[in-house]
Amino acid sequence: MIIYKALGFLFIGLGFIGIFLPLLPTTPFILLAAGCFARSSERWYHWLLSNRTFGPMIKNWQEHQCISCNSRRIAVLSVIFFGGYSVFFALANVYIISFGAALILFTLFYLYRQNVCEQENA
């Protein structure tokens, strides 16, 4: 129980950092935090579900295995803009550039494979 709770807080922290770092995704970490809190702390789990930002995302995933069109659009644009900037302008080592480009392509592929919620679920 304590391990799940600690992991929940770790994933919340990583998700929060992911808001500002383009190659670190927010949504998977929030979903992992919800799963950990569901097993360890009813209070924190309900806090996440009632959160204005994260609650609808978690409910859509739990009930319909989908993400909202707007969330996917923001994620794709962030990855392209910020990740592209990093790869093409901020990095100098060809191996790191290759790794960053591969990570961007993998992330875009992953995002486009996710189901998009119908409007009434979003």
PDB file of N, CA and C in Angstrom:
ATOM      1  N   MET A   1       0.813  -1.195   0.000  1.00  0.00           N
ATOM      2  CA  MET A   1       0.000   0.000   0.000  1.00  0.00           C
ATOM      3  C   MET A   1       0.861   1.265   0.000  1.00  0.00           C
ATOM      4  N   ILE A   2       1.868   1.307   0.855  1.00  0.00           N
ATOM      5  CA  ILE A   2       2.722   2.489   0.947  1.00  0.00           C
ATOM      6  C   ILE A   2       3.504   2.668  -0.350  1.00  0.00           C
ATOM      7  N   ILE A   3       3.915   1.562  -0.946  1.00  0.00           N
ATOM      8  CA  ILE A   3       4.675   1.652  -2.205  1.00  0.00           C
ATOM      9  C   ILE A   3       3.795   2.242  -3.298  1.00  0.00           C
ATOM     10  N   TYR A   4       2.548   1.795  -3.402  1.00  0.00           N
ATOM     11  CA  TYR A   4       1.639   2.349  -4.411  1.00  0.00           C
ATOM     12  C   TYR A   4       1.399   3.847  -4.187  1.00  0.00           C
ATOM     13  N   LYS A   5       1.271   4.229  -2.938  1.00  0.00           N
ATOM     14  CA  LYS A   5       1.043   5.638  -2.632  1.00  0.00           C
ATOM     15  C   LYS A   5       2.271   6.471  -3.011  1.00  0.00           C
ATOM     16  N   ALA A   6       3.456   5.972  -2.679  1.00  0.00           N
ATOM     17  CA  ALA A   6       4.693   6.672  -3.037  1.00  0.00           C
ATOM     18  C   ALA A   6       4.835   6.757  -4.556  1.00  0.00           C
ATOM     19  N   LEU A   7       4.530   5.672  -5.251  1.00  0.00           N
ATOM     20  CA  LEU A   7       4.584   5.698  -6.718  1.00  0.00           C
ATOM     21  C   LEU A   7       3.563   6.681  -7.281  1.00  0.00           C
ATOM     22  N   GLY A   8       2.396   6.761  -6.668  1.00  0.00           N
ATOM     23  CA  GLY A   8       1.376   7.709  -7.104  1.00  0.00           C
ATOM     24  C   GLY A   8       1.889   9.138  -7.052  1.00  0.00           C
ATOM     25  N   PHE A   9       2.550   9.488  -5.944  1.00  0.00           N
ATOM     26  CA  PHE A   9       3.108  10.835  -5.828  1.00  0.00           C
ATOM     27  C   PHE A   9       4.257  11.051  -6.811  1.00  0.00           C
ATOM     28  N   LEU A  10       5.075  10.020  -7.015  1.00  0.00           N
ATOM     29  CA  LEU A  10       6.152  10.125  -7.997  1.00  0.00           C
ATOM     30  C   LEU A  10       5.585  10.389  -9.387  1.00  0.00           C
ATOM     31  N   PHE A  11       4.556   9.642  -9.763  1.00  0.00           N
ATOM     32  CA  PHE A  11       3.962   9.812 -11.091  1.00  0.00           C
ATOM     33  C   PHE A  11       3.263  11.168 -11.230  1.00  0.00           C
ATOM     34  N   ILE A  12       2.644  11.648 -10.150  1.00  0.00           N
ATOM     35  CA  ILE A  12       2.049  12.996 -10.188  1.00  0.00           C
ATOM     36  C   ILE A  12       3.152  14.022 -10.445  1.00  0.00           C
ATOM     37  N   GLY A  13       4.262  13.882  -9.752  1.00  0.00           N
ATOM     38  CA  GLY A  13       5.383  14.801  -9.949  1.00  0.00           C
ATOM     39  C   GLY A  13       5.927  14.750 -11.365  1.00  0.00           C
ATOM     40  N   LEU A  14       6.108  13.541 -11.904  1.00  0.00           N
ATOM     41  CA  LEU A  14       6.594  13.415 -13.283  1.00  0.00           C
ATOM     42  C   LEU A  14       5.588  13.984 -14.273  1.00  0.00           C
ATOM     43  N   GLY A  15       4.310  13.763 -14.011  1.00  0.00           N
ATOM     44  CA  GLY A  15       3.284  14.335 -14.883  1.00  0.00           C
ATOM     45  C   GLY A  15       3.303  15.846 -14.854  1.00  0.00           C
ATOM     46  N   PHE A  16       3.502  16.415 -13.677  1.00  0.00           N
ATOM     47  CA  PHE A  16       3.578  17.872 -13.553  1.00  0.00           C
ATOM     48  C   PHE A  16       4.790  18.412 -14.293  1.00  0.00           C
ATOM     49  N   ILE A  17       5.927  17.746 -14.148  1.00  0.00           N
ATOM     50  CA  ILE A  17       7.128  18.157 -14.877  1.00  0.00           C
ATOM     51  C   ILE A  17       6.892  18.044 -16.379  1.00  0.00           C
ATOM     52  N   GLY A  18       6.152  17.007 -16.781  1.00  0.00           N
ATOM     53  CA  GLY A  18       5.861  16.796 -18.199  1.00  0.00           C
ATOM     54  C   GLY A  18       5.046  17.916 -18.828  1.00  0.00           C
ATOM     55  N   ILE A  19       4.356  18.695 -18.015  1.00  0.00           N
ATOM     56  CA  ILE A  19       3.624  19.849 -18.540  1.00  0.00           C
ATOM     57  C   ILE A  19       4.607  20.830 -19.171  1.00  0.00           C
ATOM     58  N   PHE A  20       5.794  20.926 -18.600  1.00  0.00           N
ATOM     59  CA  PHE A  20       6.776  21.911 -19.044  1.00  0.00           C
ATOM     60  C   PHE A  20       7.875  21.335 -19.939  1.00  0.00           C
ATOM     61  N   LEU A  21       8.108  20.025 -19.867  1.00  0.00           N
ATOM     62  CA  LEU A  21       9.133  19.393 -20.698  1.00  0.00           C
ATOM     63  C   LEU A  21       8.461  18.625 -21.830  1.00  0.00           C
ATOM     64  N   PRO A  22       8.725  18.991 -23.074  1.00  0.00           N
ATOM     65  CA  PRO A  22       7.980  18.432 -24.190  1.00  0.00           C
ATOM     66  C   PRO A  22       8.186  16.942 -24.439  1.00  0.00           C
ATOM     67  N   LEU A  23       9.331  16.395 -24.129  1.00  0.00           N
ATOM     68  CA  LEU A  23       9.555  14.981 -24.405  1.00  0.00           C
ATOM     69  C   LEU A  23       9.131  14.079 -23.253  1.00  0.00           C
ATOM     70  N   LEU A  24       8.630  14.668 -22.177  1.00  0.00           N
ATOM     71  CA  LEU A  24       8.137  13.903 -21.039  1.00  0.00           C
ATOM     72  C   LEU A  24       6.611  14.025 -21.022  1.00  0.00           C
ATOM     73  N   PRO A  25       5.904  12.944 -21.322  1.00  0.00           N
ATOM     74  CA  PRO A  25       4.446  13.051 -21.434  1.00  0.00           C
ATOM     75  C   PRO A  25       3.762  13.190 -20.078  1.00  0.00           C
ATOM     76  N   THR A  26       2.663  13.907 -20.053  1.00  0.00           N
ATOM     77  CA  THR A  26       1.910  14.112 -18.819  1.00  0.00           C
ATOM     78  C   THR A  26       0.854  13.025 -18.619  1.00  0.00           C
ATOM     79  N   THR A  27       0.071  12.763 -19.647  1.00  0.00           N
ATOM     80  CA  THR A  27      -1.087  11.877 -19.520  1.00  0.00           C
ATOM     81  C   THR A  27      -0.758  10.483 -18.984  1.00  0.00           C
ATOM     82  N   PRO A  28       0.246   9.776 -19.527  1.00  0.00           N
ATOM     83  CA  PRO A  28       0.518   8.431 -18.985  1.00  0.00           C
ATOM     84  C   PRO A  28       0.886   8.444 -17.503  1.00  0.00           C
ATOM     85  N   PHE A  29       1.617   9.462 -17.082  1.00  0.00           N
ATOM     86  CA  PHE A  29       1.998   9.520 -15.671  1.00  0.00           C
ATOM     87  C   PHE A  29       0.795   9.793 -14.779  1.00  0.00           C
ATOM     88  N   ILE A  30      -0.135  10.612 -15.232  1.00  0.00           N
ATOM     89  CA  ILE A  30      -1.341  10.878 -14.444  1.00  0.00           C
ATOM     90  C   ILE A  30      -2.198   9.615 -14.369  1.00  0.00           C
ATOM     91  N   LEU A  31      -2.290   8.886 -15.472  1.00  0.00           N
ATOM     92  CA  LEU A  31      -3.049   7.638 -15.459  1.00  0.00           C
ATOM     93  C   LEU A  31      -2.400   6.607 -14.538  1.00  0.00           C
ATOM     94  N   LEU A  32      -1.069   6.543 -14.555  1.00  0.00           N
ATOM     95  CA  LEU A  32      -0.370   5.639 -13.635  1.00  0.00           C
ATOM     96  C   LEU A  32      -0.595   6.061 -12.182  1.00  0.00           C
ATOM     97  N   ALA A  33      -0.560   7.362 -11.922  1.00  0.00           N
ATOM     98  CA  ALA A  33      -0.814   7.852 -10.565  1.00  0.00           C
ATOM     99  C   ALA A  33      -2.219   7.456 -10.114  1.00  0.00           C
ATOM    100  N   ALA A  34      -3.193   7.590 -10.998  1.00  0.00           N
ATOM    101  CA  ALA A  34      -4.571   7.210 -10.649  1.00  0.00           C
ATOM    102  C   ALA A  34      -4.645   5.727 -10.314  1.00  0.00           C
ATOM    103  N   GLY A  35      -3.963   4.896 -11.100  1.00  0.00           N
ATOM    104  CA  GLY A  35      -3.955   3.463 -10.821  1.00  0.00           C
ATOM    105  C   GLY A  35      -3.313   3.147  -9.477  1.00  0.00           C
ATOM    106  N   CYS A  36      -2.227   3.812  -9.168  1.00  0.00           N
ATOM    107  CA  CYS A  36      -1.550   3.594  -7.886  1.00  0.00           C
ATOM    108  C   CYS A  36      -2.409   4.065  -6.719  1.00  0.00           C
ATOM    109  N   PHE A  37      -3.019   5.244  -6.865  1.00  0.00           N
ATOM    110  CA  PHE A  37      -3.859   5.758  -5.785  1.00  0.00           C
ATOM    111  C   PHE A  37      -5.131   4.923  -5.618  1.00  0.00           C
ATOM    112  N   ALA A  38      -5.631   4.340  -6.701  1.00  0.00           N
ATOM    113  CA  ALA A  38      -6.818   3.478  -6.594  1.00  0.00           C
ATOM    114  C   ALA A  38      -6.519   2.267  -5.713  1.00  0.00           C
ATOM    115  N   ARG A  39      -5.265   1.839  -5.663  1.00  0.00           N
ATOM    116  CA  ARG A  39      -4.873   0.692  -4.860  1.00  0.00           C
ATOM    117  C   ARG A  39      -4.382   1.063  -3.458  1.00  0.00           C
ATOM    118  N   SER A  40      -4.155   2.370  -3.223  1.00  0.00           N
ATOM    119  CA  SER A  40      -3.528   2.720  -1.951  1.00  0.00           C
ATOM    120  C   SER A  40      -4.246   3.808  -1.151  1.00  0.00           C
ATOM    121  N   SER A  41      -4.864   4.768  -1.818  1.00  0.00           N
ATOM    122  CA  SER A  41      -5.431   5.904  -1.080  1.00  0.00           C
ATOM    123  C   SER A  41      -6.707   6.390  -1.766  1.00  0.00           C
ATOM    124  N   GLU A  42      -7.818   6.073  -1.143  1.00  0.00           N
ATOM    125  CA  GLU A  42      -9.104   6.509  -1.690  1.00  0.00           C
ATOM    126  C   GLU A  42      -9.183   8.029  -1.736  1.00  0.00           C
ATOM    127  N   ARG A  43      -8.610   8.689  -0.749  1.00  0.00           N
ATOM    128  CA  ARG A  43      -8.632  10.154  -0.686  1.00  0.00           C
ATOM    129  C   ARG A  43      -7.919  10.776  -1.885  1.00  0.00           C
ATOM    130  N   TRP A  44      -6.700  10.337  -2.176  1.00  0.00           N
ATOM    131  CA  TRP A  44      -5.938  10.903  -3.291  1.00  0.00           C
ATOM    132  C   TRP A  44      -6.519  10.493  -4.633  1.00  0.00           C
ATOM    133  N   TYR A  45      -7.062   9.283  -4.702  1.00  0.00           N
ATOM    134  CA  TYR A  45      -7.707   8.821  -5.938  1.00  0.00           C
ATOM    135  C   TYR A  45      -8.908   9.712  -6.261  1.00  0.00           C
ATOM    136  N   HIS A  46      -9.730  10.002  -5.268  1.00  0.00           N
ATOM    137  CA  HIS A  46     -10.890  10.873  -5.490  1.00  0.00           C
ATOM    138  C   HIS A  46     -10.466  12.315  -5.774  1.00  0.00           C
ATOM    139  N   TRP A  47      -9.350  12.738  -5.182  1.00  0.00           N
ATOM    140  CA  TRP A  47      -8.825  14.069  -5.489  1.00  0.00           C
ATOM    141  C   TRP A  47      -8.460  14.160  -6.971  1.00  0.00           C
ATOM    142  N   LEU A  48      -7.798  13.121  -7.483  1.00  0.00           N
ATOM    143  CA  LEU A  48      -7.448  13.128  -8.910  1.00  0.00           C
ATOM    144  C   LEU A  48      -8.696  13.114  -9.790  1.00  0.00           C
ATOM    145  N   LEU A  49      -9.665  12.269  -9.440  1.00  0.00           N
ATOM    146  CA  LEU A  49     -10.889  12.175 -10.241  1.00  0.00           C
ATOM    147  C   LEU A  49     -11.687  13.475 -10.217  1.00  0.00           C
ATOM    148  N   SER A  50     -11.635  14.198  -9.122  1.00  0.00           N
ATOM    149  CA  SER A  50     -12.398  15.443  -9.036  1.00  0.00           C
ATOM    150  C   SER A  50     -11.599  16.649  -9.533  1.00  0.00           C
ATOM    151  N   ASN A  51     -10.334  16.434  -9.867  1.00  0.00           N
ATOM    152  CA  ASN A  51      -9.506  17.517 -10.375  1.00  0.00           C
ATOM    153  C   ASN A  51     -10.043  17.991 -11.716  1.00  0.00           C
ATOM    154  N   ARG A  52     -10.166  19.287 -11.863  1.00  0.00           N
ATOM    155  CA  ARG A  52     -10.741  19.879 -13.076  1.00  0.00           C
ATOM    156  C   ARG A  52      -9.940  19.546 -14.328  1.00  0.00           C
ATOM    157  N   THR A  53      -8.629  19.462 -14.202  1.00  0.00           N
ATOM    158  CA  THR A  53      -7.772  19.188 -15.352  1.00  0.00           C
ATOM    159  C   THR A  53      -7.622  17.706 -15.618  1.00  0.00           C
ATOM    160  N   PHE A  54      -7.325  16.933 -14.583  1.00  0.00           N
ATOM    161  CA  PHE A  54      -6.991  15.526 -14.767  1.00  0.00           C
ATOM    162  C   PHE A  54      -8.178  14.583 -14.676  1.00  0.00           C
ATOM    163  N   GLY A  55      -9.235  14.967 -13.964  1.00  0.00           N
ATOM    164  CA  GLY A  55     -10.380  14.084 -13.761  1.00  0.00           C
ATOM    165  C   GLY A  55     -11.024  13.584 -15.042  1.00  0.00           C
ATOM    166  N   PRO A  56     -11.387  14.486 -15.966  1.00  0.00           N
ATOM    167  CA  PRO A  56     -12.017  14.006 -17.206  1.00  0.00           C
ATOM    168  C   PRO A  56     -11.107  13.076 -18.022  1.00  0.00           C
ATOM    169  N   MET A  57      -9.815  13.367 -18.021  1.00  0.00           N
ATOM    170  CA  MET A  57      -8.865  12.534 -18.752  1.00  0.00           C
ATOM    171  C   MET A  57      -8.843  11.112 -18.173  1.00  0.00           C
ATOM    172  N   ILE A  58      -8.821  11.019 -16.854  1.00  0.00           N
ATOM    173  CA  ILE A  58      -8.782   9.709 -16.193  1.00  0.00           C
ATOM    174  C   ILE A  58     -10.084   8.958 -16.432  1.00  0.00           C
ATOM    175  N   LYS A  59     -11.211   9.650 -16.295  1.00  0.00           N
ATOM    176  CA  LYS A  59     -12.509   8.997 -16.497  1.00  0.00           C
ATOM    177  C   LYS A  59     -12.662   8.499 -17.934  1.00  0.00           C
ATOM    178  N   ASN A  60     -12.256   9.311 -18.910  1.00  0.00           N
ATOM    179  CA  ASN A  60     -12.330   8.873 -20.309  1.00  0.00           C
ATOM    180  C   ASN A  60     -11.503   7.612 -20.517  1.00  0.00           C
ATOM    181  N   TRP A  61     -10.314   7.580 -19.953  1.00  0.00           N
ATOM    182  CA  TRP A  61      -9.457   6.417 -20.146  1.00  0.00           C
ATOM    183  C   TRP A  61     -10.033   5.189 -19.457  1.00  0.00           C
ATOM    184  N   GLN A  62     -10.521   5.354 -18.220  1.00  0.00           N
ATOM    185  CA  GLN A  62     -11.060   4.217 -17.475  1.00  0.00           C
ATOM    186  C   GLN A  62     -12.341   3.672 -18.104  1.00  0.00           C
ATOM    187  N   GLU A  63     -13.199   4.551 -18.579  1.00  0.00           N
ATOM    188  CA  GLU A  63     -14.497   4.126 -19.078  1.00  0.00           C
ATOM    189  C   GLU A  63     -14.483   3.762 -20.567  1.00  0.00           C
ATOM    190  N   HIS A  64     -13.666   4.444 -21.361  1.00  0.00           N
ATOM    191  CA  HIS A  64     -13.748   4.275 -22.811  1.00  0.00           C
ATOM    192  C   HIS A  64     -12.419   3.978 -23.491  1.00  0.00           C
ATOM    193  N   GLN A  65     -11.320   3.942 -22.722  1.00  0.00           N
ATOM    194  CA  GLN A  65      -9.981   3.718 -23.289  1.00  0.00           C
ATOM    195  C   GLN A  65      -9.694   4.703 -24.423  1.00  0.00           C
ATOM    196  N   CYS A  66      -9.945   5.995 -24.162  1.00  0.00           N
ATOM    197  CA  CYS A  66      -9.737   7.006 -25.187  1.00  0.00           C
ATOM    198  C   CYS A  66      -9.185   8.285 -24.580  1.00  0.00           C
ATOM    199  N   ILE A  67      -8.633   9.139 -25.447  1.00  0.00           N
ATOM    200  CA  ILE A  67      -8.180  10.464 -25.042  1.00  0.00           C
ATOM    201  C   ILE A  67      -8.964  11.483 -25.860  1.00  0.00           C
ATOM    202  N   SER A  68      -9.086  12.682 -25.334  1.00  0.00           N
ATOM    203  CA  SER A  68      -9.859  13.694 -26.057  1.00  0.00           C
ATOM    204  C   SER A  68      -9.073  14.175 -27.280  1.00  0.00           C
ATOM    205  N   CYS A  69      -9.793  14.621 -28.263  1.00  0.00           N
ATOM    206  CA  CYS A  69      -9.177  15.140 -29.482  1.00  0.00           C
ATOM    207  C   CYS A  69      -8.299  16.341 -29.153  1.00  0.00           C
ATOM    208  N   ASN A  70      -8.761  17.188 -28.259  1.00  0.00           N
ATOM    209  CA  ASN A  70      -7.998  18.371 -27.875  1.00  0.00           C
ATOM    210  C   ASN A  70      -6.688  17.979 -27.176  1.00  0.00           C
ATOM    211  N   SER A  71      -6.736  16.995 -26.284  1.00  0.00           N
ATOM    212  CA  SER A  71      -5.522  16.536 -25.606  1.00  0.00           C
ATOM    213  C   SER A  71      -4.518  15.990 -26.609  1.00  0.00           C
ATOM    214  N   ARG A  72      -5.007  15.207 -27.548  1.00  0.00           N
ATOM    215  CA  ARG A  72      -4.100  14.649 -28.551  1.00  0.00           C
ATOM    216  C   ARG A  72      -3.516  15.764 -29.416  1.00  0.00           C
ATOM    217  N   ARG A  73      -4.334  16.722 -29.796  1.00  0.00           N
ATOM    218  CA  ARG A  73      -3.853  17.832 -30.624  1.00  0.00           C
ATOM    219  C   ARG A  73      -2.757  18.615 -29.901  1.00  0.00           C
ATOM    220  N   ILE A  74      -2.987  18.923 -28.637  1.00  0.00           N
ATOM    221  CA  ILE A  74      -1.995  19.651 -27.847  1.00  0.00           C
ATOM    222  C   ILE A  74      -0.712  18.830 -27.712  1.00  0.00           C
ATOM    223  N   ALA A  75      -0.853  17.541 -27.457  1.00  0.00           N
ATOM    224  CA  ALA A  75       0.325  16.681 -27.314  1.00  0.00           C
ATOM    225  C   ALA A  75       1.128  16.620 -28.600  1.00  0.00           C
ATOM    226  N   VAL A  76       0.444  16.430 -29.734  1.00  0.00           N
ATOM    227  CA  VAL A  76       1.133  16.338 -31.022  1.00  0.00           C
ATOM    228  C   VAL A  76       1.847  17.654 -31.345  1.00  0.00           C
ATOM    229  N   LEU A  77       1.160  18.766 -31.178  1.00  0.00           N
ATOM    230  CA  LEU A  77       1.780  20.059 -31.468  1.00  0.00           C
ATOM    231  C   LEU A  77       2.956  20.354 -30.540  1.00  0.00           C
ATOM    232  N   SER A  78       2.832  19.985 -29.275  1.00  0.00           N
ATOM    233  CA  SER A  78       3.929  20.205 -28.329  1.00  0.00           C
ATOM    234  C   SER A  78       5.150  19.370 -28.698  1.00  0.00           C
ATOM    235  N   VAL A  79       4.907  18.122 -29.031  1.00  0.00           N
ATOM    236  CA  VAL A  79       6.022  17.250 -29.411  1.00  0.00           C
ATOM    237  C   VAL A  79       6.704  17.766 -30.670  1.00  0.00           C
ATOM    238  N   ILE A  80       5.915  18.156 -31.657  1.00  0.00           N
ATOM    239  CA  ILE A  80       6.508  18.657 -32.904  1.00  0.00           C
ATOM    240  C   ILE A  80       7.252  19.962 -32.675  1.00  0.00           C
ATOM    241  N   PHE A  81       6.623  20.892 -31.980  1.00  0.00           N
ATOM    242  CA  PHE A  81       7.230  22.214 -31.802  1.00  0.00           C
ATOM    243  C   PHE A  81       8.449  22.157 -30.881  1.00  0.00           C
ATOM    244  N   PHE A  82       8.248  21.705 -29.646  1.00  0.00           N
ATOM    245  CA  PHE A  82       9.334  21.726 -28.671  1.00  0.00           C
ATOM    246  C   PHE A  82      10.374  20.641 -28.943  1.00  0.00           C
ATOM    247  N   GLY A  83       9.889  19.446 -29.270  1.00  0.00           N
ATOM    248  CA  GLY A  83      10.835  18.381 -29.588  1.00  0.00           C
ATOM    249  C   GLY A  83      11.614  18.688 -30.849  1.00  0.00           C
ATOM    250  N   GLY A  84      10.925  19.217 -31.854  1.00  0.00           N
ATOM    251  CA  GLY A  84      11.602  19.600 -33.090  1.00  0.00           C
ATOM    252  C   GLY A  84      12.632  20.682 -32.861  1.00  0.00           C
ATOM    253  N   TYR A  85      12.288  21.648 -32.042  1.00  0.00           N
ATOM    254  CA  TYR A  85      13.258  22.700 -31.713  1.00  0.00           C
ATOM    255  C   TYR A  85      14.491  22.092 -31.062  1.00  0.00           C
ATOM    256  N   SER A  86      14.268  21.196 -30.094  1.00  0.00           N
ATOM    257  CA  SER A  86      15.391  20.568 -29.399  1.00  0.00           C
ATOM    258  C   SER A  86      16.279  19.800 -30.363  1.00  0.00           C
ATOM    259  N   VAL A  87      15.670  19.021 -31.224  1.00  0.00           N
ATOM    260  CA  VAL A  87      16.440  18.176 -32.142  1.00  0.00           C
ATOM    261  C   VAL A  87      17.181  19.007 -33.175  1.00  0.00           C
ATOM    262  N   PHE A  88      16.536  20.007 -33.737  1.00  0.00           N
ATOM    263  CA  PHE A  88      17.151  20.723 -34.851  1.00  0.00           C
ATOM    264  C   PHE A  88      17.989  21.932 -34.451  1.00  0.00           C
ATOM    265  N   PHE A  89      17.755  22.486 -33.259  1.00  0.00           N
ATOM    266  CA  PHE A  89      18.467  23.713 -32.905  1.00  0.00           C
ATOM    267  C   PHE A  89      19.273  23.628 -31.609  1.00  0.00           C
ATOM    268  N   ALA A  90      18.851  22.823 -30.647  1.00  0.00           N
ATOM    269  CA  ALA A  90      19.496  22.846 -29.334  1.00  0.00           C
ATOM    270  C   ALA A  90      20.514  21.729 -29.121  1.00  0.00           C
ATOM    271  N   LEU A  91      20.446  20.685 -29.894  1.00  0.00           N
ATOM    272  CA  LEU A  91      21.356  19.555 -29.705  1.00  0.00           C
ATOM    273  C   LEU A  91      22.476  19.584 -30.726  1.00  0.00           C
ATOM    274  N   ALA A  92      23.664  19.109 -30.311  1.00  0.00           N
ATOM    275  CA  ALA A  92      24.813  19.141 -31.214  1.00  0.00           C
ATOM    276  C   ALA A  92      25.326  17.748 -31.551  1.00  0.00           C
ATOM    277  N   ASN A  93      25.215  16.808 -30.656  1.00  0.00           N
ATOM    278  CA  ASN A  93      25.723  15.461 -30.857  1.00  0.00           C
ATOM    279  C   ASN A  93      24.789  14.681 -31.779  1.00  0.00           C
ATOM    280  N   VAL A  94      25.346  14.089 -32.842  1.00  0.00           N
ATOM    281  CA  VAL A  94      24.523  13.395 -33.834  1.00  0.00           C
ATOM    282  C   VAL A  94      23.783  12.199 -33.234  1.00  0.00           C
ATOM    283  N   TYR A  95      24.362  11.539 -32.242  1.00  0.00           N
ATOM    284  CA  TYR A  95      23.692  10.396 -31.608  1.00  0.00           C
ATOM    285  C   TYR A  95      22.505  10.850 -30.761  1.00  0.00           C
ATOM    286  N   ILE A  96      22.667  11.942 -30.061  1.00  0.00           N
ATOM    287  CA  ILE A  96      21.566  12.475 -29.253  1.00  0.00           C
ATOM    288  C   ILE A  96      20.471  13.016 -30.167  1.00  0.00           C
ATOM    289  N   ILE A  97      20.860  13.650 -31.262  1.00  0.00           N
ATOM    290  CA  ILE A  97      19.872  14.128 -32.242  1.00  0.00           C
ATOM    291  C   ILE A  97      19.085  12.958 -32.809  1.00  0.00           C
ATOM    292  N   SER A  98      19.775  11.879 -33.156  1.00  0.00           N
ATOM    293  CA  SER A  98      19.103  10.687 -33.693  1.00  0.00           C
ATOM    294  C   SER A  98      18.157  10.080 -32.666  1.00  0.00           C
ATOM    295  N   PHE A  99      18.612   9.999 -31.425  1.00  0.00           N
ATOM    296  CA  PHE A  99      17.756   9.458 -30.368  1.00  0.00           C
ATOM    297  C   PHE A  99      16.529  10.346 -30.161  1.00  0.00           C
ATOM    298  N   GLY A 100      16.731  11.660 -30.121  1.00  0.00           N
ATOM    299  CA  GLY A 100      15.608  12.590 -29.948  1.00  0.00           C
ATOM    300  C   GLY A 100      14.618  12.496 -31.086  1.00  0.00           C
ATOM    301  N   ALA A 101      15.126  12.404 -32.320  1.00  0.00           N
ATOM    302  CA  ALA A 101      14.232  12.285 -33.481  1.00  0.00           C
ATOM    303  C   ALA A 101      13.453  10.971 -33.427  1.00  0.00           C
ATOM    304  N   ALA A 102      14.113   9.889 -33.050  1.00  0.00           N
ATOM    305  CA  ALA A 102      13.427   8.595 -32.932  1.00  0.00           C
ATOM    306  C   ALA A 102      12.366   8.648 -31.836  1.00  0.00           C
ATOM    307  N   LEU A 103      12.679   9.311 -30.733  1.00  0.00           N
ATOM    308  CA  LEU A 103      11.711   9.448 -29.643  1.00  0.00           C
ATOM    309  C   LEU A 103      10.499  10.261 -30.081  1.00  0.00           C
ATOM    310  N   ILE A 104      10.730  11.307 -30.835  1.00  0.00           N
ATOM    311  CA  ILE A 104       9.629  12.121 -31.357  1.00  0.00           C
ATOM    312  C   ILE A 104       8.751  11.288 -32.282  1.00  0.00           C
ATOM    313  N   LEU A 105       9.368  10.554 -33.198  1.00  0.00           N
ATOM    314  CA  LEU A 105       8.592   9.726 -34.128  1.00  0.00           C
ATOM    315  C   LEU A 105       7.803   8.650 -33.392  1.00  0.00           C
ATOM    316  N   PHE A 106       8.412   8.009 -32.401  1.00  0.00           N
ATOM    317  CA  PHE A 106       7.711   7.002 -31.624  1.00  0.00           C
ATOM    318  C   PHE A 106       6.520   7.623 -30.894  1.00  0.00           C
ATOM    319  N   THR A 107       6.733   8.782 -30.296  1.00  0.00           N
ATOM    320  CA  THR A 107       5.662   9.454 -29.557  1.00  0.00           C
ATOM    321  C   THR A 107       4.506   9.829 -30.476  1.00  0.00           C
ATOM    322  N   LEU A 108       4.825  10.363 -31.652  1.00  0.00           N
ATOM    323  CA  LEU A 108       3.764  10.716 -32.609  1.00  0.00           C
ATOM    324  C   LEU A 108       3.012   9.473 -33.071  1.00  0.00           C
ATOM    325  N   PHE A 109       3.731   8.391 -33.339  1.00  0.00           N
ATOM    326  CA  PHE A 109       3.095   7.132 -33.728  1.00  0.00           C
ATOM    327  C   PHE A 109       2.163   6.647 -32.621  1.00  0.00           C
ATOM    328  N   TYR A 110       2.641   6.698 -31.385  1.00  0.00           N
ATOM    329  CA  TYR A 110       1.842   6.267 -30.240  1.00  0.00           C
ATOM    330  C   TYR A 110       0.580   7.123 -30.092  1.00  0.00           C
ATOM    331  N   LEU A 111       0.739   8.432 -30.213  1.00  0.00           N
ATOM    332  CA  LEU A 111      -0.409   9.334 -30.067  1.00  0.00           C
ATOM    333  C   LEU A 111      -1.462   9.087 -31.144  1.00  0.00           C
ATOM    334  N   TYR A 112      -1.039   8.850 -32.361  1.00  0.00           N
ATOM    335  CA  TYR A 112      -2.004   8.631 -33.431  1.00  0.00           C
ATOM    336  C   TYR A 112      -2.674   7.264 -33.365  1.00  0.00           C
ATOM    337  N   ARG A 113      -2.108   6.344 -32.607  1.00  0.00           N
ATOM    338  CA  ARG A 113      -2.731   5.030 -32.450  1.00  0.00           C
ATOM    339  C   ARG A 113      -3.771   5.008 -31.335  1.00  0.00           C
ATOM    340  N   GLN A 114      -3.794   6.041 -30.500  1.00  0.00           N
ATOM    341  CA  GLN A 114      -4.754   6.092 -29.401  1.00  0.00           C
ATOM    342  C   GLN A 114      -6.156   6.421 -29.923  1.00  0.00           C
ATOM    343  N   ASN A 115      -7.135   5.792 -29.317  1.00  0.00           N
ATOM    344  CA  ASN A 115      -8.519   6.112 -29.662  1.00  0.00           C
ATOM    345  C   ASN A 115      -8.866   7.512 -29.207  1.00  0.00           C
ATOM    346  N   VAL A 116      -9.644   8.211 -30.026  1.00  0.00           N
ATOM    347  CA  VAL A 116     -10.118   9.546 -29.689  1.00  0.00           C
ATOM    348  C   VAL A 116     -11.556   9.427 -29.215  1.00  0.00           C
ATOM    349  N   CYS A 117     -11.862  10.065 -28.099  1.00  0.00           N
ATOM    350  CA  CYS A 117     -13.201  10.006 -27.523  1.00  0.00           C
ATOM    351  C   CYS A 117     -14.203  10.699 -28.416  1.00  0.00           C
ATOM    352  N   GLU A 118     -15.401  10.175 -28.431  1.00  0.00           N
ATOM    353  CA  GLU A 118     -16.484  10.863 -29.113  1.00  0.00           C
ATOM    354  C   GLU A 118     -16.796  12.126 -28.327  1.00  0.00           C
ATOM    355  N   GLN A 119     -17.423  13.078 -28.954  1.00  0.00           N
ATOM    356  CA  GLN A 119     -17.642  14.397 -28.337  1.00  0.00           C
ATOM    357  C   GLN A 119     -18.353  14.320 -26.994  1.00  0.00           C
ATOM    358  N   GLU A 120     -19.345  13.451 -26.835  1.00  0.00           N
ATOM    359  CA  GLU A 120     -20.083  13.421 -25.578  1.00  0.00           C
ATOM    360  C   GLU A 120     -19.265  12.845 -24.434  1.00  0.00           C
ATOM    361  N   ASN A 121     -18.177  12.096 -24.740  1.00  0.00           N
ATOM    362  CA  ASN A 121     -17.335  11.537 -23.697  1.00  0.00           C
ATOM    363  C   ASN A 121     -16.219  12.479 -23.306  1.00  0.00           C
ATOM    364  N   ALA A 122     -15.901  13.443 -24.141  1.00  0.00           N
ATOM    365  CA  ALA A 122     -14.715  14.275 -23.919  1.00  0.00           C
ATOM    366  C   ALA A 122     -14.871  15.261 -22.807  1.00  0.00           C
TER     367      ALA A 122
END
